[in-house]
Amino acid sequence: MSRRGDLLPRGSLAVAGGPLGRHVSARAVSWVAAVVPLLVATAATMALSVAERTHCIQKGWVGSDQFWHACFSDLPALYQLGNLDNGLAAYVGGEGARADHPVLTGAVMAWVGGLVPDGAFLDQTRWYFALWALLGTALAVAVVYLTAASRPLHVTDAAHVAFSPVLLLTAMLSPDLFGVALASAGIWAWSRRRPVAAGVLLGLGVMARTYPLLILLALVVLGLRSGRLEAVRRTLGAAAGACAVVLLPFLVGLNTMAILRSTQVWWDSAAGLGSPWMIPQLLSHPLPTGATTLLAVVGLLVACAVGAVFALSTPRRPTLAEVAFVLVALALLTGKAFPVQASLWLLPLLALCGVRWRDHLVWAGAEALHFVAVWLYVGGLSTPDRGLPPGWYAVFLVSRVVAVAYLVWRVWHTAAAREPLPDPDGSDDAPDQDPVDLPDDEELDEEPDELAGDFAGAPDRLLVRLA
C-alpha cells in the first residue's frame, strides 16, 4: 500500500499531466505517484515482450526456427491462416476471414487485419504484429491501471502484473490480453458498485474469452452467501444483453459458424499442450478425444463445485478475486488444453488476491521453464534430434500444474485463515469512493474487502460448515 513517504519527486508527475493542484489530498498524490511508474513499467515489459521475438520479426514466422528461438506467436499465424487481411466486414459476414476464437476477439483481430497496408507477405505479417504490439501495450497498461484502481488501498499489488515474467513471455503470443482487459474492467466496475456496467464488461469479456463466465459464477455464489442477489441479477442481465448485442450482427449475416467455431474446435480437439490429459499421449498412450472431452467437462464441474465450497465455507467471506482465481485456475488445470498464454487469465486475479511475491515467482519460474520446454517439444516433433523428448516435456508440464495448484492452495489458505467479522449492521449506504478520496490509514479499523461492491456490509445468509 502506498503511503505519504512513498511520493515520487514532484516533477515525475508530469508524466500524468503535471503536478496536482493544492486542493487535491495527499492520498491522491500518493495514489497517482504509485500508479504512474507501474504504467511506465508495464510499457517497458511489453517492449521486452516484443524484443523477445526479434528473430521472428526479422526472419518471419515460418519453419521450425520460430520454435528454436522461442519467438512463435499465434498472431501472425492467425493472420495468415484466417485471411484476416480481408477485414472486419468479411469476418462478420463470413466472406473468407475466420478466427478460431470467440467472436469479439475474432472481430478485433479482423479489424486490425484490415488496417495492414498492402505489400509483401512478410511485411504484412510484420505490420500485423506491430499493430498488435501497440494494441497489446495499451491493453496491458489498462489492466494494470484497473487492477490498481480496484484495490486503491493496495495499489502497488498491481506490480504483480506490471513486472511479471509471465506478462513478458506471453503478452505477444496471442490476443488474450483483450479478454483479460475486459474481465479486469468488469471486476473494477463491480468494486465501484456499478453492477450493470460490470455485467456489460463481463459479458463482452465472455464474447472475447469465455473464462469471465467463471467470474460471473463467483458473483452468483458470493451473492448467495451475502443474500445480495438483486445486484447479481442486474449484472447477469446486463451480461446477457451485452452478449446478445455482440452476436446480433453475426445472426443477421447468417454467419453462425463464426459464433460456434471456437466451441467446435474445442469439442473436436484432443488433449492439448499444457493439459494433464496430454501426459498419457506423451507416454505413448493417448486418450481418445471423447474421453478427453468427458474428463474436461467433469473437471469443469468439479472446479465449479470446489469454487462454490470455497466461497461458502471460509470463516470470513472471500473476495471476488479469490473465488474467481480458484475457479479459473482449477478450470485450466482440468481443461483439454492449458496453453502458455492462458496464464495471462490468472495474472490480474493473482494481483487482486494480494499473493506474496515469493509465491508469484515460484509460479513464474515454473511458467518460464514450461515456456521454453513447450517450444523445444513442438520443434522436436519435426526435428527429433534437436527437440525435447516427450518424457521431459511431461516433467515441465507437471511442474507447471503443481505450481498453479500451489497458488490455489495459498489463496485458499489465506482466505480461510481470516477471522470472521463482527456482526455488521447491514448498512450498504457507504458512498462510492474514488481512489483520491479514501480515508487515511489510521482511520481504517481493519482491512476492508475493496472488491465487495454491493456485497459490502452484508451478513452471511448462506454458510457451509465443513466437518
Protein backbone atom coordinates (compact mmCIF):
# COMPACT_ATOMS: atom_id res chain seq x y z
CA MET A 1 0.00 0.00 0.00
CA SER A 2 1.39 3.40 -0.94
CA ARG A 3 1.93 5.97 1.83
CA ARG A 4 2.91 9.62 2.03
CA GLY A 5 6.57 8.74 2.33
CA ASP A 6 6.43 6.91 -0.99
CA LEU A 7 5.80 10.02 -3.10
CA LEU A 8 7.80 10.45 -6.27
CA PRO A 9 9.65 13.69 -7.00
CA ARG A 10 7.22 16.43 -7.93
CA GLY A 11 8.48 16.66 -11.47
CA SER A 12 7.77 12.99 -12.17
CA LEU A 13 4.03 13.68 -12.04
CA ALA A 14 4.34 15.49 -15.35
CA VAL A 15 4.05 12.07 -16.93
CA ALA A 16 0.40 12.08 -15.82
CA GLY A 17 -0.28 15.63 -16.94
CA GLY A 18 1.68 17.74 -14.47
CA PRO A 19 1.64 18.26 -10.71
CA LEU A 20 -1.71 18.01 -8.98
CA GLY A 21 -3.33 21.13 -7.53
CA ARG A 22 -3.17 22.25 -3.91
CA HIS A 23 -6.78 21.17 -3.26
CA VAL A 24 -6.05 17.50 -4.02
CA SER A 25 -5.42 15.29 -0.97
CA ALA A 26 -2.04 13.81 -0.10
CA ARG A 27 -3.53 10.35 -0.66
CA ALA A 28 -4.49 11.32 -4.21
CA VAL A 29 -0.91 12.37 -4.92
CA SER A 30 0.35 9.15 -3.35
CA TRP A 31 -2.03 7.04 -5.44
CA VAL A 32 -1.04 8.74 -8.70
CA ALA A 33 2.64 8.63 -7.77
CA ALA A 34 2.38 4.89 -7.20
CA VAL A 35 0.38 4.15 -10.35
CA VAL A 36 2.31 6.17 -12.94
CA PRO A 37 5.60 4.24 -12.52
CA LEU A 38 3.65 0.98 -12.76
CA LEU A 39 2.14 2.06 -16.07
CA VAL A 40 5.57 3.02 -17.39
CA ALA A 41 6.96 -0.32 -16.19
CA THR A 42 4.13 -2.13 -17.97
CA ALA A 43 5.02 -0.44 -21.25
CA ALA A 44 8.66 -1.44 -20.70
CA THR A 45 7.67 -5.06 -20.04
CA MET A 46 5.64 -5.06 -23.25
CA ALA A 47 8.63 -3.66 -25.15
CA LEU A 48 10.72 -6.55 -23.83
CA SER A 49 7.99 -8.97 -24.89
CA VAL A 50 8.26 -7.62 -28.44
CA ALA A 51 12.07 -7.67 -28.31
CA GLU A 52 12.00 -11.33 -27.26
CA ARG A 53 10.57 -12.07 -30.72
CA THR A 54 13.22 -10.14 -32.65
CA HIS A 55 14.40 -13.19 -34.61
CA CYS A 56 10.92 -13.89 -35.95
CA ILE A 57 10.31 -10.22 -36.72
CA GLN A 58 13.46 -10.24 -38.85
CA LYS A 59 13.17 -13.68 -40.44
CA GLY A 60 9.43 -14.33 -40.38
CA TRP A 61 7.23 -16.77 -38.50
CA VAL A 62 7.97 -19.77 -40.71
CA GLY A 63 9.55 -23.17 -40.23
CA SER A 64 10.96 -24.63 -37.04
CA ASP A 65 13.27 -21.66 -36.36
CA GLN A 66 10.40 -19.87 -34.61
CA PHE A 67 10.36 -22.69 -32.05
CA TRP A 68 14.11 -22.95 -31.52
CA HIS A 69 14.25 -19.19 -30.89
CA ALA A 70 11.09 -19.28 -28.73
CA CYS A 71 9.58 -16.43 -30.75
CA PHE A 72 6.47 -18.16 -32.04
CA SER A 73 3.27 -16.12 -31.89
CA ASP A 74 -0.30 -17.04 -32.72
CA LEU A 75 -0.89 -13.52 -34.03
CA PRO A 76 0.92 -13.73 -37.41
CA ALA A 77 -0.15 -17.38 -37.75
CA LEU A 78 -3.82 -16.49 -37.31
CA TYR A 79 -3.43 -13.53 -39.67
CA GLN A 80 -2.02 -15.79 -42.36
CA LEU A 81 -4.33 -18.79 -41.95
CA GLY A 82 -7.52 -16.83 -41.25
CA ASN A 83 -7.29 -14.41 -44.20
CA LEU A 84 -7.72 -11.58 -41.71
CA ASP A 85 -6.39 -9.09 -44.25
CA ASN A 86 -9.95 -9.11 -45.65
CA GLY A 87 -11.03 -7.02 -42.67
CA LEU A 88 -13.90 -6.82 -40.21
CA ALA A 89 -16.78 -6.83 -42.71
CA ALA A 90 -15.53 -10.06 -44.28
CA TYR A 91 -15.27 -11.69 -40.84
CA VAL A 92 -18.74 -10.67 -39.68
CA GLY A 93 -20.30 -11.65 -43.00
CA GLY A 94 -18.42 -14.94 -43.26
CA GLU A 95 -16.76 -13.92 -46.51
CA GLY A 96 -13.39 -15.62 -46.20
CA ALA A 97 -11.95 -14.24 -42.96
CA ARG A 98 -12.15 -16.52 -39.92
CA ALA A 99 -10.58 -16.98 -36.49
CA ASP A 100 -10.66 -19.88 -34.05
CA HIS A 101 -11.56 -17.55 -31.20
CA PRO A 102 -14.73 -16.20 -29.59
CA VAL A 103 -16.42 -13.73 -31.91
CA LEU A 104 -15.45 -10.45 -30.24
CA THR A 105 -11.77 -11.37 -30.24
CA GLY A 106 -12.12 -12.57 -33.82
CA ALA A 107 -13.74 -9.27 -34.78
CA VAL A 108 -10.92 -7.23 -33.25
CA MET A 109 -8.34 -9.43 -34.96
CA ALA A 110 -10.08 -8.95 -38.30
CA TRP A 111 -10.37 -5.19 -37.71
CA VAL A 112 -6.62 -4.97 -37.06
CA GLY A 113 -6.01 -7.13 -40.13
CA GLY A 114 -7.95 -4.64 -42.23
CA LEU A 115 -5.52 -1.90 -41.17
CA VAL A 116 -2.48 -3.71 -42.59
CA PRO A 117 -1.22 -1.99 -45.77
CA ASP A 118 -0.70 -3.95 -48.95
CA GLY A 119 2.76 -5.33 -49.53
CA ALA A 120 4.91 -8.42 -49.46
CA PHE A 121 3.78 -11.33 -47.32
CA LEU A 122 6.50 -10.90 -44.66
CA ASP A 123 5.94 -7.15 -44.50
CA GLN A 124 2.23 -7.67 -43.92
CA THR A 125 2.81 -10.08 -41.04
CA ARG A 126 5.27 -7.61 -39.52
CA TRP A 127 2.69 -4.85 -39.78
CA TYR A 128 0.05 -7.04 -38.16
CA PHE A 129 2.39 -7.95 -35.31
CA ALA A 130 3.40 -4.30 -34.86
CA LEU A 131 -0.23 -3.13 -34.70
CA TRP A 132 -0.97 -5.80 -32.11
CA ALA A 133 2.11 -4.71 -30.15
CA LEU A 134 0.64 -1.21 -29.88
CA LEU A 135 -2.83 -2.50 -29.02
CA GLY A 136 -1.42 -5.07 -26.59
CA THR A 137 0.60 -2.40 -24.79
CA ALA A 138 -2.49 -0.24 -24.38
CA LEU A 139 -4.44 -3.24 -23.09
CA ALA A 140 -1.70 -4.24 -20.64
CA VAL A 141 -1.48 -0.68 -19.31
CA ALA A 142 -5.26 -0.70 -18.89
CA VAL A 143 -5.12 -3.99 -16.97
CA VAL A 144 -2.52 -2.59 -14.57
CA TYR A 145 -4.49 0.63 -14.05
CA LEU A 146 -7.74 -1.25 -13.45
CA THR A 147 -6.01 -3.63 -11.05
CA ALA A 148 -4.64 -0.70 -9.06
CA ALA A 149 -7.98 1.14 -9.13
CA SER A 150 -9.91 -1.93 -8.00
CA ARG A 151 -7.93 -2.08 -4.73
CA PRO A 152 -6.77 1.50 -4.18
CA LEU A 153 -5.57 0.77 -0.63
CA HIS A 154 -3.19 -1.81 -2.10
CA VAL A 155 -2.28 -0.06 -5.33
CA THR A 156 1.24 -1.48 -5.50
CA ASP A 157 -0.16 -5.01 -5.78
CA ALA A 158 -0.68 -4.11 -9.45
CA ALA A 159 3.09 -4.51 -9.75
CA HIS A 160 2.37 -8.24 -9.89
CA VAL A 161 1.08 -7.56 -13.40
CA ALA A 162 3.45 -4.80 -14.48
CA PHE A 163 6.68 -6.60 -13.58
CA SER A 164 5.61 -10.20 -14.06
CA PRO A 165 7.81 -12.51 -16.16
CA VAL A 166 4.54 -14.14 -17.21
CA LEU A 167 3.42 -10.91 -18.92
CA LEU A 168 6.78 -10.59 -20.66
CA LEU A 169 6.71 -14.14 -22.02
CA THR A 170 3.06 -14.43 -23.05
CA ALA A 171 1.67 -10.98 -23.84
CA MET A 172 2.61 -11.06 -27.53
CA LEU A 173 1.80 -14.71 -28.02
CA SER A 174 -1.94 -14.31 -28.61
CA PRO A 175 -4.86 -11.85 -28.46
CA ASP A 176 -5.78 -12.98 -24.93
CA LEU A 177 -4.94 -9.60 -23.39
CA PHE A 178 -8.13 -8.22 -24.94
CA GLY A 179 -10.34 -10.56 -22.93
CA VAL A 180 -8.19 -10.10 -19.82
CA ALA A 181 -8.65 -6.32 -20.03
CA LEU A 182 -12.43 -6.67 -20.30
CA ALA A 183 -12.52 -9.06 -17.34
CA SER A 184 -10.39 -6.65 -15.29
CA ALA A 185 -12.69 -3.78 -16.21
CA GLY A 186 -15.70 -5.82 -15.11
CA ILE A 187 -14.16 -6.53 -11.71
CA TRP A 188 -13.28 -2.85 -11.32
CA ALA A 189 -16.85 -1.81 -12.14
CA TRP A 190 -18.22 -4.26 -9.57
CA SER A 191 -15.82 -2.92 -6.93
CA ARG A 192 -17.19 0.60 -7.60
CA ARG A 193 -20.78 -0.62 -7.04
CA ARG A 194 -21.75 -0.42 -10.70
CA PRO A 195 -23.37 -3.82 -11.26
CA VAL A 196 -24.84 -3.01 -14.68
CA ALA A 197 -21.53 -1.72 -16.03
CA ALA A 198 -19.83 -4.78 -14.54
CA GLY A 199 -22.31 -7.02 -16.35
CA VAL A 200 -21.78 -5.29 -19.68
CA LEU A 201 -18.00 -5.54 -19.39
CA LEU A 202 -18.00 -9.15 -18.22
CA GLY A 203 -20.49 -10.04 -20.96
CA LEU A 204 -18.15 -8.52 -23.53
CA GLY A 205 -15.35 -10.45 -21.83
CA VAL A 206 -17.25 -13.71 -22.36
CA MET A 207 -17.50 -12.85 -26.05
CA ALA A 208 -13.74 -12.28 -26.11
CA ARG A 209 -12.52 -15.09 -23.79
CA THR A 210 -15.04 -17.44 -22.20
CA TYR A 211 -13.39 -17.55 -18.75
CA PRO A 212 -15.25 -14.43 -17.46
CA LEU A 213 -18.22 -16.81 -17.17
CA LEU A 214 -16.41 -18.13 -14.09
CA ILE A 215 -16.15 -14.60 -12.68
CA LEU A 216 -19.91 -14.28 -13.11
CA LEU A 217 -20.29 -17.63 -11.32
CA ALA A 218 -18.14 -16.28 -8.47
CA LEU A 219 -20.53 -13.33 -8.18
CA VAL A 220 -23.52 -15.68 -8.04
CA VAL A 221 -22.04 -17.80 -5.24
CA LEU A 222 -20.95 -14.75 -3.24
CA GLY A 223 -24.41 -13.29 -3.80
CA LEU A 224 -25.93 -16.42 -2.29
CA ARG A 225 -23.66 -16.14 0.74
CA SER A 226 -24.36 -12.44 1.27
CA GLY A 227 -28.04 -12.50 0.32
CA ARG A 228 -27.44 -9.62 -2.12
CA LEU A 229 -28.79 -11.36 -5.22
CA GLU A 230 -30.57 -8.35 -6.67
CA ALA A 231 -27.29 -6.71 -7.71
CA VAL A 232 -26.11 -10.04 -9.12
CA ARG A 233 -29.30 -10.37 -11.17
CA ARG A 234 -28.71 -6.93 -12.65
CA THR A 235 -25.15 -7.91 -13.51
CA LEU A 236 -26.23 -11.17 -15.15
CA GLY A 237 -28.96 -9.40 -17.10
CA ALA A 238 -26.52 -6.78 -18.38
CA ALA A 239 -24.02 -9.51 -19.31
CA ALA A 240 -26.68 -11.39 -21.28
CA GLY A 241 -27.65 -8.17 -23.06
CA ALA A 242 -24.05 -7.41 -23.99
CA CYS A 243 -23.61 -10.91 -25.40
CA ALA A 244 -26.79 -10.54 -27.45
CA VAL A 245 -25.63 -7.22 -28.92
CA VAL A 246 -22.29 -8.74 -29.98
CA LEU A 247 -23.92 -11.82 -31.52
CA LEU A 248 -26.65 -9.92 -33.39
CA PRO A 249 -24.56 -8.86 -36.44
CA PHE A 250 -23.44 -12.47 -36.94
CA LEU A 251 -27.01 -13.76 -36.68
CA VAL A 252 -28.28 -11.11 -39.10
CA GLY A 253 -25.49 -12.03 -41.51
CA LEU A 254 -26.33 -15.74 -41.09
CA ASN A 255 -22.73 -16.36 -40.05
CA THR A 256 -23.49 -18.73 -37.19
CA MET A 257 -20.28 -20.62 -37.97
CA ALA A 258 -18.25 -17.73 -36.54
CA ILE A 259 -20.26 -17.99 -33.30
CA LEU A 260 -19.83 -21.74 -33.00
CA ARG A 261 -16.33 -22.10 -34.42
CA SER A 262 -14.32 -21.83 -31.19
CA THR A 263 -16.66 -24.27 -29.44
CA GLN A 264 -16.48 -26.70 -32.37
CA VAL A 265 -12.67 -26.53 -32.41
CA TRP A 266 -12.61 -27.23 -28.66
CA TRP A 267 -15.07 -30.13 -28.97
CA ASP A 268 -13.14 -31.82 -31.79
CA SER A 269 -9.66 -31.36 -30.34
CA ALA A 270 -7.62 -33.92 -28.46
CA ALA A 271 -5.68 -33.12 -25.30
CA GLY A 272 -3.55 -30.06 -25.98
CA LEU A 273 -0.33 -28.51 -24.75
CA GLY A 274 -0.19 -27.86 -21.02
CA SER A 275 -3.09 -30.13 -20.10
CA PRO A 276 -2.51 -33.00 -17.67
CA TRP A 277 -4.70 -35.08 -20.01
CA MET A 278 -1.83 -34.85 -22.51
CA ILE A 279 0.51 -36.84 -20.25
CA PRO A 280 -0.76 -40.26 -21.48
CA GLN A 281 -0.04 -39.10 -25.04
CA LEU A 282 3.49 -38.10 -24.02
CA LEU A 283 3.90 -41.61 -22.62
CA SER A 284 2.71 -43.15 -25.94
CA HIS A 285 -0.80 -43.97 -24.69
CA PRO A 286 -3.01 -41.10 -25.96
CA LEU A 287 -6.53 -40.75 -24.63
CA PRO A 288 -9.39 -40.86 -27.16
CA THR A 289 -10.81 -37.43 -27.97
CA GLY A 290 -14.18 -38.37 -26.48
CA ALA A 291 -12.57 -39.41 -23.20
CA THR A 292 -10.60 -36.17 -23.05
CA THR A 293 -13.76 -34.16 -23.66
CA LEU A 294 -15.56 -36.04 -20.89
CA LEU A 295 -12.68 -35.51 -18.47
CA ALA A 296 -12.60 -31.79 -19.28
CA VAL A 297 -16.35 -31.39 -18.73
CA VAL A 298 -16.24 -33.33 -15.47
CA GLY A 299 -13.18 -31.31 -14.44
CA LEU A 300 -15.03 -28.06 -15.09
CA LEU A 301 -17.98 -29.22 -12.99
CA VAL A 302 -15.62 -30.24 -10.19
CA ALA A 303 -13.87 -26.86 -10.43
CA CYS A 304 -17.23 -25.09 -10.09
CA ALA A 305 -18.20 -27.25 -7.11
CA VAL A 306 -14.87 -26.72 -5.35
CA GLY A 307 -15.02 -22.98 -6.01
CA ALA A 308 -18.54 -22.84 -4.56
CA VAL A 309 -17.45 -24.73 -1.43
CA PHE A 310 -14.55 -22.31 -1.03
CA ALA A 311 -16.81 -19.27 -1.37
CA LEU A 312 -19.38 -20.59 1.11
CA SER A 313 -17.18 -22.21 3.77
CA THR A 314 -14.47 -19.78 4.89
CA PRO A 315 -14.99 -18.03 8.25
CA ARG A 316 -14.96 -14.65 6.51
CA ARG A 317 -16.40 -14.13 3.04
CA PRO A 318 -13.57 -14.39 0.48
CA THR A 319 -13.08 -11.67 -2.08
CA LEU A 320 -14.38 -11.84 -5.63
CA ALA A 321 -10.80 -12.16 -6.92
CA GLU A 322 -10.06 -15.09 -4.60
CA VAL A 323 -13.12 -17.06 -5.64
CA ALA A 324 -12.56 -16.24 -9.31
CA PHE A 325 -8.89 -17.27 -9.06
CA VAL A 326 -9.78 -20.66 -7.59
CA LEU A 327 -12.44 -21.24 -10.24
CA VAL A 328 -10.32 -20.17 -13.21
CA ALA A 329 -7.17 -21.95 -12.05
CA LEU A 330 -8.96 -25.26 -11.42
CA ALA A 331 -10.78 -24.99 -14.76
CA LEU A 332 -7.43 -24.51 -16.51
CA LEU A 333 -5.85 -27.41 -14.64
CA THR A 334 -8.62 -29.79 -15.70
CA GLY A 335 -9.21 -28.46 -19.22
CA LYS A 336 -8.43 -30.03 -22.59
CA ALA A 337 -5.58 -27.58 -23.06
CA PHE A 338 -3.67 -25.18 -20.83
CA PRO A 339 -1.74 -23.15 -23.41
CA VAL A 340 1.09 -20.87 -22.38
CA GLN A 341 -0.93 -17.70 -22.97
CA ALA A 342 -3.80 -18.82 -20.70
CA SER A 343 -1.61 -17.92 -17.72
CA LEU A 344 -2.49 -14.30 -18.51
CA TRP A 345 -6.00 -15.05 -17.25
CA LEU A 346 -4.60 -15.70 -13.78
CA LEU A 347 -2.24 -12.73 -13.56
CA PRO A 348 -4.62 -9.85 -12.62
CA LEU A 349 -6.59 -12.17 -10.33
CA LEU A 350 -3.36 -13.13 -8.57
CA ALA A 351 -2.55 -9.44 -8.08
CA LEU A 352 -6.03 -8.72 -6.71
CA CYS A 353 -5.65 -11.64 -4.29
CA GLY A 354 -2.56 -9.98 -2.81
CA VAL A 355 -0.39 -13.07 -3.30
CA ARG A 356 3.15 -12.62 -1.99
CA TRP A 357 5.98 -12.09 -4.45
CA ARG A 358 7.71 -15.26 -3.30
CA ASP A 359 4.70 -17.32 -4.34
CA HIS A 360 4.33 -15.36 -7.56
CA LEU A 361 7.94 -16.00 -8.55
CA VAL A 362 7.70 -19.71 -7.75
CA TRP A 363 4.80 -19.89 -10.21
CA ALA A 364 6.50 -17.60 -12.75
CA GLY A 365 9.61 -19.78 -12.64
CA ALA A 366 7.56 -22.86 -13.48
CA GLU A 367 5.84 -20.91 -16.26
CA ALA A 368 9.18 -19.79 -17.72
CA LEU A 369 10.56 -23.34 -17.72
CA HIS A 370 7.38 -24.62 -19.35
CA PHE A 371 7.51 -21.78 -21.90
CA VAL A 372 10.95 -22.91 -23.08
CA ALA A 373 10.07 -26.60 -22.86
CA VAL A 374 6.91 -26.33 -24.94
CA TRP A 375 8.72 -24.79 -27.93
CA LEU A 376 11.56 -27.31 -27.72
CA TYR A 377 8.99 -30.09 -27.64
CA VAL A 378 6.98 -28.70 -30.57
CA GLY A 379 10.16 -28.11 -32.57
CA GLY A 380 11.22 -31.66 -31.82
CA LEU A 381 8.10 -33.03 -33.50
CA SER A 382 9.69 -32.13 -36.85
CA THR A 383 13.36 -32.40 -35.80
CA PRO A 384 13.55 -35.07 -33.08
CA ASP A 385 17.34 -34.95 -32.69
CA ARG A 386 17.17 -31.27 -31.60
CA GLY A 387 13.93 -31.26 -29.65
CA LEU A 388 12.89 -32.04 -26.11
CA PRO A 389 11.81 -35.68 -25.63
CA PRO A 390 8.14 -36.18 -24.68
CA GLY A 391 9.04 -37.55 -21.26
CA TRP A 392 10.97 -34.42 -20.34
CA TYR A 393 8.17 -32.18 -21.59
CA ALA A 394 5.85 -34.12 -19.27
CA VAL A 395 8.13 -33.22 -16.35
CA PHE A 396 7.90 -29.49 -17.09
CA LEU A 397 4.15 -29.77 -17.70
CA VAL A 398 3.65 -31.40 -14.30
CA SER A 399 5.84 -28.79 -12.60
CA ARG A 400 3.63 -26.06 -14.00
CA VAL A 401 0.46 -27.85 -12.88
CA VAL A 402 1.92 -28.20 -9.39
CA ALA A 403 2.88 -24.50 -9.31
CA VAL A 404 -0.66 -23.39 -10.23
CA ALA A 405 -2.14 -25.83 -7.71
CA TYR A 406 0.20 -24.35 -5.09
CA LEU A 407 -1.16 -20.87 -5.83
CA VAL A 408 -4.72 -22.18 -5.42
CA TRP A 409 -3.75 -23.61 -2.04
CA ARG A 410 -2.12 -20.32 -0.99
CA VAL A 411 -5.18 -18.29 -1.94
CA TRP A 412 -7.49 -20.75 -0.18
CA HIS A 413 -5.30 -20.89 2.94
CA THR A 414 -5.05 -17.10 3.17
CA ALA A 415 -8.81 -16.66 2.90
CA ALA A 416 -9.56 -19.47 5.35
CA ALA A 417 -7.15 -18.02 7.93
CA ARG A 418 -9.06 -14.74 8.29
CA GLU A 419 -11.13 -14.30 11.41
CA PRO A 420 -14.87 -13.75 10.87
CA LEU A 421 -16.03 -10.15 11.06
CA PRO A 422 -18.26 -8.97 13.91
CA ASP A 423 -21.96 -8.95 13.07
CA PRO A 424 -22.41 -5.99 10.72
CA ASP A 425 -25.28 -3.56 10.97
CA GLY A 426 -26.33 -4.49 7.44
CA SER A 427 -25.90 -0.94 6.13
CA ASP A 428 -24.89 -0.68 2.49
CA ASP A 429 -25.17 3.06 2.24
CA ALA A 430 -21.46 3.77 2.15
CA PRO A 431 -20.76 6.13 -0.75
CA ASP A 432 -18.81 5.03 -3.77
CA GLN A 433 -15.31 6.41 -3.19
CA ASP A 434 -12.75 7.23 -5.80
CA PRO A 435 -9.13 6.36 -5.01
CA VAL A 436 -8.32 10.01 -4.31
CA ASP A 437 -10.99 10.32 -1.60
CA LEU A 438 -10.15 7.33 0.57
CA PRO A 439 -9.67 7.83 4.33
CA ASP A 440 -6.25 7.87 5.94
CA ASP A 441 -4.69 4.62 7.16
CA GLU A 442 -5.25 5.38 10.82
CA GLU A 443 -8.99 5.80 10.19
CA LEU A 444 -9.28 2.22 8.97
CA ASP A 445 -10.05 -0.11 11.87
CA GLU A 446 -9.44 -3.19 9.76
CA GLU A 447 -8.64 -4.12 6.19
CA PRO A 448 -11.79 -3.87 4.05
CA ASP A 449 -12.75 -6.05 1.11
CA GLU A 450 -12.22 -3.47 -1.61
CA LEU A 451 -13.81 -5.73 -4.24
CA ALA A 452 -17.02 -6.34 -2.28
CA GLY A 453 -19.08 -3.86 -4.26
CA ASP A 454 -22.75 -4.37 -3.43
CA PHE A 455 -21.85 -7.19 -1.02
CA ALA A 456 -20.19 -4.71 1.36
CA GLY A 457 -21.63 -4.78 4.87
CA ALA A 458 -23.92 -7.74 4.19
CA PRO A 459 -24.12 -10.50 6.82
CA ASP A 460 -23.76 -14.11 5.75
CA ARG A 461 -27.10 -15.63 4.69
CA LEU A 462 -25.73 -18.96 3.48
CA LEU A 463 -22.70 -20.61 5.04
CA VAL A 464 -21.43 -24.16 4.59
CA ARG A 465 -19.68 -25.71 7.58
CA LEU A 466 -17.06 -28.31 6.66
CA ALA A 467 -16.52 -31.00 9.29
